[in-house]
Amino acid sequence: MTANDAQPMSQRQADALCEEWALLLKMGYASQWSPAQKMARQDEIAALLLHVGQALPRGLTRREVLVNVDVVPPRGAQ
């Protein structure tokens, strides 16, 4: 099947992918996978959701926001 033959993703499918993404963060879920495999699957899920125009999981969007925030230590902290 080519990308042109792909069916649009339903909201139910998108929700299931978001739930899987969250489960990958939990200890014990997919314990046979290495951390790198879990991160690769999360990246795959995010790419699928972006490709079909769905919202990304909240944890992912918050992490991206936090990465782009400059942290300023409080006065007097060294």
C-alpha atoms as a PDB file:
ATOM      1  CA  MET A   1       0.000   0.000   0.000  1.00  0.00           C
ATOM      2  CA  THR A   2       1.339   3.425  -0.878  1.00  0.00           C
ATOM      3  CA  ALA A   3       0.902   6.635   1.069  1.00  0.00           C
ATOM      4  CA  ASN A   4      -1.696   7.749  -1.499  1.00  0.00           C
ATOM      5  CA  ASP A   5      -3.829   4.695  -0.688  1.00  0.00           C
ATOM      6  CA  ALA A   6      -3.873   5.427   3.054  1.00  0.00           C
ATOM      7  CA  GLN A   7      -7.231   5.943   4.693  1.00  0.00           C
ATOM      8  CA  PRO A   8      -7.762   9.023   6.892  1.00  0.00           C
ATOM      9  CA  MET A   9      -7.268   8.422  10.599  1.00  0.00           C
ATOM     10  CA  SER A  10     -10.400   8.421  12.706  1.00  0.00           C
ATOM     11  CA  GLN A  11     -10.547  10.223  16.026  1.00  0.00           C
ATOM     12  CA  ARG A  12     -10.768   6.859  17.785  1.00  0.00           C
ATOM     13  CA  GLN A  13      -7.502   5.747  16.147  1.00  0.00           C
ATOM     14  CA  ALA A  14      -5.824   9.035  17.053  1.00  0.00           C
ATOM     15  CA  ASP A  15      -6.998   8.684  20.661  1.00  0.00           C
ATOM     16  CA  ALA A  16      -5.625   5.127  20.812  1.00  0.00           C
ATOM     17  CA  LEU A  17      -2.238   6.344  19.598  1.00  0.00           C
ATOM     18  CA  CYS A  18      -2.226   9.104  22.230  1.00  0.00           C
ATOM     19  CA  GLU A  19      -3.034   6.530  24.911  1.00  0.00           C
ATOM     20  CA  GLU A  20      -0.229   4.278  23.685  1.00  0.00           C
ATOM     21  CA  TRP A  21       2.156   7.238  23.742  1.00  0.00           C
ATOM     22  CA  ALA A  22       1.261   7.892  27.398  1.00  0.00           C
ATOM     23  CA  LEU A  23       1.571   4.211  28.326  1.00  0.00           C
ATOM     24  CA  LEU A  24       5.100   4.138  26.934  1.00  0.00           C
ATOM     25  CA  LEU A  25       6.073   6.552  29.717  1.00  0.00           C
ATOM     26  CA  LYS A  26       4.908   4.186  32.456  1.00  0.00           C
ATOM     27  CA  MET A  27       7.271   1.795  34.200  1.00  0.00           C
ATOM     28  CA  GLY A  28       6.586  -1.807  33.292  1.00  0.00           C
ATOM     29  CA  TYR A  29       4.729  -1.105  30.044  1.00  0.00           C
ATOM     30  CA  ALA A  30       6.449  -2.877  27.133  1.00  0.00           C
ATOM     31  CA  SER A  31       9.186  -3.926  29.551  1.00  0.00           C
ATOM     32  CA  GLN A  32      10.750  -6.108  26.880  1.00  0.00           C
ATOM     33  CA  TRP A  33      11.587  -2.953  24.902  1.00  0.00           C
ATOM     34  CA  SER A  34      14.683  -0.879  25.526  1.00  0.00           C
ATOM     35  CA  PRO A  35      14.259   2.811  26.393  1.00  0.00           C
ATOM     36  CA  ALA A  36      15.490   3.652  22.892  1.00  0.00           C
ATOM     37  CA  GLN A  37      12.794   1.448  21.339  1.00  0.00           C
ATOM     38  CA  LYS A  38      10.116   3.131  23.454  1.00  0.00           C
ATOM     39  CA  MET A  39      11.351   6.594  22.440  1.00  0.00           C
ATOM     40  CA  ALA A  40      11.426   5.530  18.785  1.00  0.00           C
ATOM     41  CA  ARG A  41       7.803   4.359  19.039  1.00  0.00           C
ATOM     42  CA  GLN A  42       6.802   7.658  20.662  1.00  0.00           C
ATOM     43  CA  ASP A  43       8.501   9.528  17.820  1.00  0.00           C
ATOM     44  CA  GLU A  44       6.676   7.322  15.314  1.00  0.00           C
ATOM     45  CA  ILE A  45       3.333   8.038  16.984  1.00  0.00           C
ATOM     46  CA  ALA A  46       4.019  11.793  17.012  1.00  0.00           C
ATOM     47  CA  ALA A  47       4.954  11.704  13.322  1.00  0.00           C
ATOM     48  CA  LEU A  48       1.768   9.793  12.456  1.00  0.00           C
ATOM     49  CA  LEU A  49      -0.393  12.262  14.363  1.00  0.00           C
ATOM     50  CA  LEU A  50       1.307  15.259  12.781  1.00  0.00           C
ATOM     51  CA  HIS A  51       0.996  13.708   9.330  1.00  0.00           C
ATOM     52  CA  VAL A  52      -2.775  13.426   9.622  1.00  0.00           C
ATOM     53  CA  GLY A  53      -3.193  16.793  11.341  1.00  0.00           C
ATOM     54  CA  GLN A  54      -4.143  15.474  14.779  1.00  0.00           C
ATOM     55  CA  ALA A  55      -3.158  17.115  18.045  1.00  0.00           C
ATOM     56  CA  LEU A  56      -0.050  15.781  19.738  1.00  0.00           C
ATOM     57  CA  PRO A  57      -0.272  14.197  23.194  1.00  0.00           C
ATOM     58  CA  ARG A  58      -0.234  16.846  25.953  1.00  0.00           C
ATOM     59  CA  GLY A  59       2.943  15.502  27.538  1.00  0.00           C
ATOM     60  CA  LEU A  60       4.820  15.885  24.262  1.00  0.00           C
ATOM     61  CA  THR A  61       3.677  19.434  23.627  1.00  0.00           C
ATOM     62  CA  ARG A  62       4.535  20.466  27.197  1.00  0.00           C
ATOM     63  CA  ARG A  63       7.998  18.882  26.945  1.00  0.00           C
ATOM     64  CA  GLU A  64       8.687  20.780  23.725  1.00  0.00           C
ATOM     65  CA  VAL A  65       7.571  24.021  25.331  1.00  0.00           C
ATOM     66  CA  LEU A  66       9.787  23.447  28.352  1.00  0.00           C
ATOM     67  CA  VAL A  67      12.804  22.729  26.178  1.00  0.00           C
ATOM     68  CA  ASN A  68      12.416  26.152  24.578  1.00  0.00           C
ATOM     69  CA  VAL A  69      12.098  28.088  27.863  1.00  0.00           C
ATOM     70  CA  ASP A  70      15.151  29.899  29.218  1.00  0.00           C
ATOM     71  CA  VAL A  71      15.661  29.162  32.878  1.00  0.00           C
ATOM     72  CA  VAL A  72      16.891  32.038  34.994  1.00  0.00           C
ATOM     73  CA  PRO A  73      18.146  31.134  38.484  1.00  0.00           C
ATOM     74  CA  PRO A  74      16.731  33.149  41.389  1.00  0.00           C
ATOM     75  CA  ARG A  75      18.774  36.102  42.641  1.00  0.00           C
ATOM     76  CA  GLY A  76      21.591  35.074  44.902  1.00  0.00           C
ATOM     77  CA  ALA A  77      21.535  31.430  43.762  1.00  0.00           C
ATOM     78  CA  GLN A  78      24.849  30.110  42.569  1.00  0.00           C
END
